[in-house]
Amino acid sequence: MANIHNVTEFIFLGLSPSQEVQRVCFVIFLLLYTAIVLGNLLMVVTVAASRSLESPMYFFLGCLSFVEICYSSTTVPKLIFDLLAQKKSISVWGCMTQLFFMHFFGGAEIFLLTVMAYDRYVAICKPLHYTSIMNRQVCAVLVGTEWMGGFVHSFAQILLIFDLPYCGPNVIDHYFCDLLPVLKLACSDTFLIGLLIVANGGTLSVISFVVLLASYVVILFHLRTQSSEGRCKALSTCGSHVTVVILFFGPCVFIYMRPSATLPIDKMVAVFYTVITPLLNPVIYSLRNAEVKKAMKTLWIRTIKVDEKKSGYWLSVLEWC
């Protein structure tokens, strides 16, 4: 029994065995992660500082950008570090921690995207009651429920895999700890646990995706009675959200809604939903939304004026000295 838990760390194979490719990937992913953090942080600051973006839709958009920063930060910094490391390793506890936070923030994002679809449904189908239905208390409860849902989802996943025996080998053919690659290393029969993981993660993604599609079918049906101007404005905001939903749910359904087996393409799919999607979200919402672009421009002008005032103050101090 002493040899059952003799694995203390896992070794990642990474994206490529080539040193040249790894150096190129280091530069690329460093730039991409910097853009993810700066782009989503800009969205959070814009929503928080702009009075014109005080509606629930932009409040949820700011929450989504914050979740995206946290979600990508669970895997991308470790990936960047490992691209220059000779030994790409992580402790068992570190692996479980990465697994927990990845599914915690991923589950929170799934629930948040569903909440955002409900917000659009109320705004378009019940505009006269929108402010009373989506008041601050309701928004706070919905965001709290989102975080709680992500925690329950992640805790259930970790509970399934935490007590499995790992006695070797300890090599993971991936660049981060994901459920299915780690499950393959267990020294016991994991067929039932694999089914439970698929039932938990995959079913959550599919049910949420179906609910989102149903809500937008209702919205499209309701838009038939509105004017062309109102229809175009509603479709613009909904189009951004639908694009983000497809970019996020597509890879997740591909990974978690199939039997517990890994494929060579899984790494590229994982890069898409851990790097590309968080990078595209602020771009999609800012380019397709005139109010967000206007708020960013106003914030930029305000920042420049503040810097000019500070520069003038220090110049006057230097002249006085």
Protein backbone atom coordinates (compact mmCIF):
# COMPACT_ATOMS: atom_id res chain seq x y z
CA MET A 1 0.00 0.00 0.00
CA ALA A 2 2.98 2.33 0.54
CA ASN A 3 3.64 2.39 -3.22
CA ILE A 4 0.09 3.34 -4.24
CA HIS A 5 0.56 7.08 -3.57
CA ASN A 6 4.27 7.35 -4.44
CA VAL A 7 3.70 9.99 -7.16
CA THR A 8 4.45 13.44 -5.76
CA GLU A 9 4.54 15.41 -9.02
CA PHE A 10 3.34 15.28 -12.60
CA ILE A 11 5.41 16.02 -15.71
CA PHE A 12 3.92 17.95 -18.64
CA LEU A 13 4.94 17.14 -22.20
CA GLY A 14 3.87 20.64 -23.23
CA LEU A 15 2.85 21.90 -26.63
CA SER A 16 5.93 20.76 -28.56
CA PRO A 17 9.20 18.89 -27.88
CA SER A 18 11.14 21.28 -30.14
CA GLN A 19 13.17 23.93 -28.29
CA GLU A 20 12.89 26.37 -31.20
CA VAL A 21 9.11 26.03 -31.29
CA GLN A 22 8.94 26.51 -27.53
CA ARG A 23 10.93 29.76 -27.71
CA VAL A 24 8.62 31.09 -30.41
CA CYS A 25 5.57 30.00 -28.39
CA PHE A 26 7.01 31.75 -25.32
CA VAL A 27 7.01 35.11 -27.10
CA ILE A 28 3.58 34.53 -28.64
CA PHE A 29 1.85 33.43 -25.45
CA LEU A 30 3.53 36.14 -23.38
CA LEU A 31 2.14 38.76 -25.75
CA LEU A 32 -1.28 37.09 -25.84
CA TYR A 33 -1.51 36.84 -22.04
CA THR A 34 -0.48 40.49 -21.69
CA ALA A 35 -3.21 41.44 -24.17
CA ILE A 36 -5.76 39.29 -22.27
CA VAL A 37 -5.02 40.99 -18.95
CA LEU A 38 -4.82 44.53 -20.35
CA GLY A 39 -7.87 44.16 -22.62
CA ASN A 40 -10.15 42.68 -19.98
CA LEU A 41 -8.81 45.01 -17.29
CA LEU A 42 -9.59 47.95 -19.57
CA MET A 43 -13.14 46.64 -19.90
CA VAL A 44 -13.50 46.31 -16.11
CA VAL A 45 -12.15 49.83 -15.49
CA THR A 46 -14.31 51.32 -18.26
CA VAL A 47 -17.50 49.78 -16.85
CA ALA A 48 -16.61 50.78 -13.28
CA ALA A 49 -15.63 54.37 -14.12
CA SER A 50 -18.27 55.28 -16.73
CA ARG A 51 -21.65 56.59 -15.65
CA SER A 52 -23.07 55.82 -19.07
CA LEU A 53 -22.45 52.09 -18.51
CA GLU A 54 -24.43 51.63 -15.30
CA SER A 55 -27.04 49.26 -16.73
CA PRO A 56 -27.06 45.58 -15.65
CA MET A 57 -25.81 44.50 -19.08
CA TYR A 58 -22.52 46.36 -18.63
CA PHE A 59 -22.28 45.30 -15.00
CA PHE A 60 -22.36 41.67 -16.14
CA LEU A 61 -19.92 42.51 -18.94
CA GLY A 62 -17.45 43.85 -16.37
CA CYS A 63 -17.91 40.68 -14.30
CA LEU A 64 -17.27 38.58 -17.42
CA SER A 65 -14.00 40.40 -18.12
CA PHE A 66 -12.89 39.85 -14.52
CA VAL A 67 -13.71 36.13 -14.76
CA GLU A 68 -11.77 35.90 -18.03
CA ILE A 69 -8.64 37.32 -16.37
CA CYS A 70 -8.92 34.82 -13.53
CA TYR A 71 -9.73 31.92 -15.86
CA SER A 72 -6.76 32.43 -18.20
CA SER A 73 -4.44 33.07 -15.23
CA THR A 74 -4.96 29.53 -13.93
CA THR A 75 -3.13 27.99 -16.92
CA VAL A 76 -1.37 30.53 -19.14
CA PRO A 77 1.33 31.83 -16.70
CA LYS A 78 2.37 28.25 -15.93
CA LEU A 79 2.46 27.50 -19.66
CA ILE A 80 4.68 30.54 -20.32
CA PHE A 81 7.05 29.56 -17.52
CA ASP A 82 7.27 25.93 -18.70
CA LEU A 83 8.11 26.95 -22.27
CA LEU A 84 11.58 27.99 -21.02
CA ALA A 85 11.95 25.30 -18.36
CA GLN A 86 13.90 22.10 -18.88
CA LYS A 87 11.56 20.16 -16.60
CA LYS A 88 7.87 20.95 -16.89
CA SER A 89 6.57 19.66 -13.56
CA ILE A 90 3.82 20.40 -11.07
CA SER A 91 3.18 18.90 -7.65
CA VAL A 92 0.12 16.75 -7.06
CA TRP A 93 -1.33 19.43 -4.78
CA GLY A 94 -0.52 22.11 -7.36
CA CYS A 95 -2.24 20.03 -10.02
CA MET A 96 -5.37 19.65 -7.93
CA THR A 97 -5.34 23.38 -7.14
CA GLN A 98 -5.06 24.22 -10.84
CA LEU A 99 -7.89 21.82 -11.63
CA PHE A 100 -10.12 23.35 -8.97
CA PHE A 101 -9.66 26.98 -9.98
CA MET A 102 -9.87 26.24 -13.69
CA HIS A 103 -13.27 24.57 -13.30
CA PHE A 104 -14.33 27.10 -10.67
CA PHE A 105 -13.82 30.07 -13.00
CA GLY A 106 -14.97 28.08 -16.04
CA GLY A 107 -18.20 27.08 -14.29
CA ALA A 108 -18.69 30.65 -13.10
CA GLU A 109 -18.34 31.87 -16.69
CA ILE A 110 -20.92 29.36 -17.92
CA PHE A 111 -23.45 30.55 -15.33
CA LEU A 112 -22.59 34.20 -16.02
CA LEU A 113 -23.19 33.81 -19.76
CA THR A 114 -26.57 32.26 -18.95
CA VAL A 115 -27.37 35.19 -16.64
CA MET A 116 -26.41 37.63 -19.41
CA ALA A 117 -28.81 35.87 -21.77
CA TYR A 118 -31.59 36.26 -19.19
CA ASP A 119 -30.72 39.95 -18.87
CA ARG A 120 -31.08 40.41 -22.65
CA TYR A 121 -34.39 38.52 -22.59
CA VAL A 122 -35.83 40.83 -19.92
CA ALA A 123 -34.46 43.97 -21.64
CA ILE A 124 -35.96 43.09 -25.03
CA CYS A 125 -39.12 41.18 -24.17
CA LYS A 126 -40.12 43.14 -21.04
CA PRO A 127 -38.58 46.62 -21.48
CA LEU A 128 -41.14 48.45 -19.31
CA HIS A 129 -40.33 46.24 -16.31
CA TYR A 130 -36.60 45.94 -16.95
CA THR A 131 -35.38 48.33 -14.25
CA SER A 132 -37.69 46.81 -11.62
CA ILE A 133 -36.83 43.19 -12.50
CA MET A 134 -33.07 43.68 -12.96
CA ASN A 135 -32.45 45.94 -9.98
CA ARG A 136 -29.18 46.02 -8.05
CA GLN A 137 -30.28 43.44 -5.49
CA VAL A 138 -31.27 40.97 -8.21
CA CYS A 139 -28.00 41.55 -10.08
CA ALA A 140 -26.01 40.97 -6.89
CA VAL A 141 -27.93 37.74 -6.19
CA LEU A 142 -27.38 36.53 -9.76
CA VAL A 143 -23.65 37.20 -9.59
CA GLY A 144 -23.44 35.49 -6.19
CA THR A 145 -25.31 32.51 -7.62
CA GLU A 146 -22.87 32.43 -10.52
CA TRP A 147 -19.89 32.15 -8.17
CA MET A 148 -21.64 29.59 -6.01
CA GLY A 149 -22.55 27.52 -9.07
CA GLY A 150 -18.93 27.57 -10.22
CA PHE A 151 -17.75 26.47 -6.78
CA VAL A 152 -20.23 23.58 -6.56
CA HIS A 153 -19.34 22.42 -10.07
CA SER A 154 -15.59 22.54 -9.41
CA PHE A 155 -15.85 20.95 -5.96
CA ALA A 156 -17.82 18.05 -7.43
CA GLN A 157 -15.18 17.51 -10.12
CA ILE A 158 -12.28 17.58 -7.65
CA LEU A 159 -14.13 15.27 -5.28
CA LEU A 160 -14.28 12.64 -8.02
CA ILE A 161 -10.57 12.69 -8.82
CA PHE A 162 -8.83 13.77 -5.59
CA ASP A 163 -8.66 10.40 -3.80
CA LEU A 164 -7.61 8.33 -6.80
CA PRO A 165 -4.30 6.42 -6.35
CA TYR A 166 -1.38 7.57 -8.51
CA CYS A 167 1.53 5.13 -8.57
CA GLY A 168 3.08 5.90 -11.97
CA PRO A 169 3.61 6.82 -14.71
CA ASN A 170 3.32 10.53 -13.96
CA VAL A 171 3.64 12.08 -17.46
CA ILE A 172 0.69 14.19 -18.68
CA ASP A 173 0.45 14.74 -22.43
CA HIS A 174 -0.82 18.29 -22.00
CA TYR A 175 0.37 21.72 -20.89
CA PHE A 176 -1.86 21.95 -17.79
CA CYS A 177 -3.74 19.64 -15.44
CA ASP A 178 -7.07 18.74 -16.96
CA LEU A 179 -9.48 16.09 -15.75
CA LEU A 180 -9.21 13.50 -18.51
CA PRO A 181 -5.38 13.49 -18.87
CA VAL A 182 -4.97 13.22 -15.08
CA LEU A 183 -7.64 10.53 -14.90
CA LYS A 184 -5.60 8.36 -17.29
CA LEU A 185 -2.73 8.21 -14.75
CA ALA A 186 -4.78 6.70 -11.93
CA CYS A 187 -3.90 3.14 -10.87
CA SER A 188 -7.51 1.99 -10.60
CA ASP A 189 -10.59 1.46 -12.71
CA THR A 190 -11.81 4.95 -13.61
CA PHE A 191 -14.60 4.09 -16.06
CA LEU A 192 -17.41 5.09 -13.69
CA ILE A 193 -15.58 8.23 -12.56
CA GLY A 194 -15.04 9.19 -16.20
CA LEU A 195 -18.76 8.88 -16.84
CA LEU A 196 -19.52 11.05 -13.79
CA ILE A 197 -17.04 13.69 -14.96
CA VAL A 198 -18.67 13.76 -18.39
CA ALA A 199 -22.11 13.89 -16.76
CA ASN A 200 -21.06 16.81 -14.55
CA GLY A 201 -19.02 18.97 -16.91
CA GLY A 202 -20.56 18.03 -20.23
CA THR A 203 -24.15 18.11 -19.09
CA LEU A 204 -23.64 21.52 -17.48
CA SER A 205 -22.27 22.89 -20.75
CA VAL A 206 -24.98 21.34 -22.92
CA ILE A 207 -27.91 22.35 -20.67
CA SER A 208 -26.62 25.92 -20.36
CA PHE A 209 -26.07 26.09 -24.10
CA VAL A 210 -29.59 24.83 -24.82
CA VAL A 211 -31.05 27.36 -22.36
CA LEU A 212 -29.08 30.12 -24.07
CA LEU A 213 -30.31 29.06 -27.51
CA ALA A 214 -33.90 28.84 -26.28
CA SER A 215 -33.73 32.33 -24.79
CA TYR A 216 -32.46 33.78 -28.05
CA VAL A 217 -35.10 31.98 -30.06
CA VAL A 218 -37.70 33.72 -27.86
CA ILE A 219 -35.88 37.04 -28.33
CA LEU A 220 -35.79 36.67 -32.13
CA PHE A 221 -39.47 35.79 -32.16
CA HIS A 222 -40.25 38.90 -30.08
CA LEU A 223 -38.14 41.18 -32.31
CA ARG A 224 -40.47 40.62 -35.23
CA THR A 225 -42.91 43.16 -33.79
CA GLN A 226 -40.33 45.91 -33.19
CA SER A 227 -39.14 48.68 -35.47
CA SER A 228 -36.13 48.17 -37.72
CA GLU A 229 -34.00 50.55 -35.62
CA GLY A 230 -34.84 48.77 -32.36
CA ARG A 231 -34.35 45.42 -34.03
CA CYS A 232 -30.86 46.35 -35.26
CA LYS A 233 -29.80 47.67 -31.85
CA ALA A 234 -31.06 44.55 -30.06
CA LEU A 235 -29.44 42.23 -32.59
CA SER A 236 -26.14 44.07 -32.22
CA THR A 237 -25.94 43.51 -28.45
CA CYS A 238 -27.27 39.96 -28.73
CA GLY A 239 -24.90 39.15 -31.59
CA SER A 240 -21.85 39.92 -29.45
CA HIS A 241 -23.12 37.68 -26.68
CA VAL A 242 -23.99 34.83 -29.05
CA THR A 243 -20.50 35.02 -30.59
CA VAL A 244 -18.86 34.74 -27.16
CA VAL A 245 -21.17 31.86 -26.20
CA ILE A 246 -20.25 29.89 -29.33
CA LEU A 247 -16.52 30.55 -28.88
CA PHE A 248 -16.64 29.34 -25.27
CA PHE A 249 -19.15 26.49 -25.37
CA GLY A 250 -18.00 24.91 -28.63
CA PRO A 251 -14.56 23.77 -27.37
CA CYS A 252 -15.95 22.87 -23.92
CA VAL A 253 -18.60 20.59 -25.41
CA PHE A 254 -15.96 18.99 -27.66
CA ILE A 255 -13.67 18.24 -24.70
CA TYR A 256 -16.13 17.21 -21.99
CA MET A 257 -19.02 15.63 -23.88
CA ARG A 258 -17.31 12.49 -25.07
CA PRO A 259 -15.93 9.30 -23.46
CA SER A 260 -12.93 9.65 -21.15
CA ALA A 261 -10.28 9.54 -23.87
CA THR A 262 -7.75 12.12 -24.99
CA LEU A 263 -7.02 13.13 -28.59
CA PRO A 264 -3.97 14.86 -30.12
CA ILE A 265 -6.15 17.83 -31.08
CA ASP A 266 -7.17 18.42 -27.45
CA LYS A 267 -4.17 20.68 -26.83
CA MET A 268 -5.10 23.02 -29.66
CA VAL A 269 -8.73 23.08 -28.55
CA ALA A 270 -7.57 23.85 -25.00
CA VAL A 271 -5.44 26.74 -26.31
CA PHE A 272 -8.57 28.11 -27.96
CA TYR A 273 -10.73 28.23 -24.82
CA THR A 274 -7.96 29.19 -22.37
CA VAL A 275 -6.21 31.83 -24.51
CA ILE A 276 -8.06 32.81 -27.68
CA THR A 277 -11.57 33.20 -26.23
CA PRO A 278 -10.49 35.41 -23.26
CA LEU A 279 -8.51 37.49 -25.77
CA LEU A 280 -11.42 37.97 -28.17
CA ASN A 281 -14.14 38.77 -25.64
CA PRO A 282 -13.23 42.43 -24.94
CA VAL A 283 -12.57 42.95 -28.65
CA ILE A 284 -15.98 41.57 -29.62
CA TYR A 285 -17.88 43.63 -27.05
CA SER A 286 -15.97 46.87 -27.64
CA LEU A 287 -15.98 46.82 -31.45
CA ARG A 288 -19.67 45.92 -31.73
CA ASN A 289 -20.92 48.33 -29.07
CA ALA A 290 -20.94 52.08 -29.69
CA GLU A 291 -21.58 52.92 -26.03
CA VAL A 292 -18.53 50.95 -24.88
CA LYS A 293 -16.32 52.61 -27.51
CA LYS A 294 -17.62 56.04 -26.50
CA ALA A 295 -17.02 55.30 -22.81
CA MET A 296 -13.47 54.12 -23.54
CA LYS A 297 -12.78 57.28 -25.53
CA THR A 298 -14.15 59.45 -22.72
CA LEU A 299 -12.06 57.58 -20.15
CA TRP A 300 -8.96 58.01 -22.31
CA ILE A 301 -9.54 61.76 -22.69
CA ARG A 302 -10.17 62.10 -18.94
CA THR A 303 -6.93 60.24 -18.20
CA ILE A 304 -4.95 62.48 -20.55
CA LYS A 305 -6.37 65.60 -18.89
CA VAL A 306 -5.47 64.29 -15.44
CA ASP A 307 -1.92 63.55 -16.63
CA GLU A 308 -1.65 67.05 -18.10
CA LYS A 309 -2.78 68.58 -14.80
CA LYS A 310 -0.22 66.50 -12.92
CA SER A 311 2.51 67.48 -15.38
CA GLY A 312 1.58 71.16 -15.08
CA TYR A 313 1.64 70.89 -11.29
CA TRP A 314 5.11 69.36 -11.20
CA LEU A 315 6.39 71.87 -13.78
CA SER A 316 5.17 74.73 -11.60
CA VAL A 317 6.87 73.17 -8.57
CA LEU A 318 10.14 72.85 -10.48
CA GLU A 319 9.88 76.47 -11.68
CA TRP A 320 9.24 77.62 -8.12
CA CYS A 321 12.25 75.68 -6.88
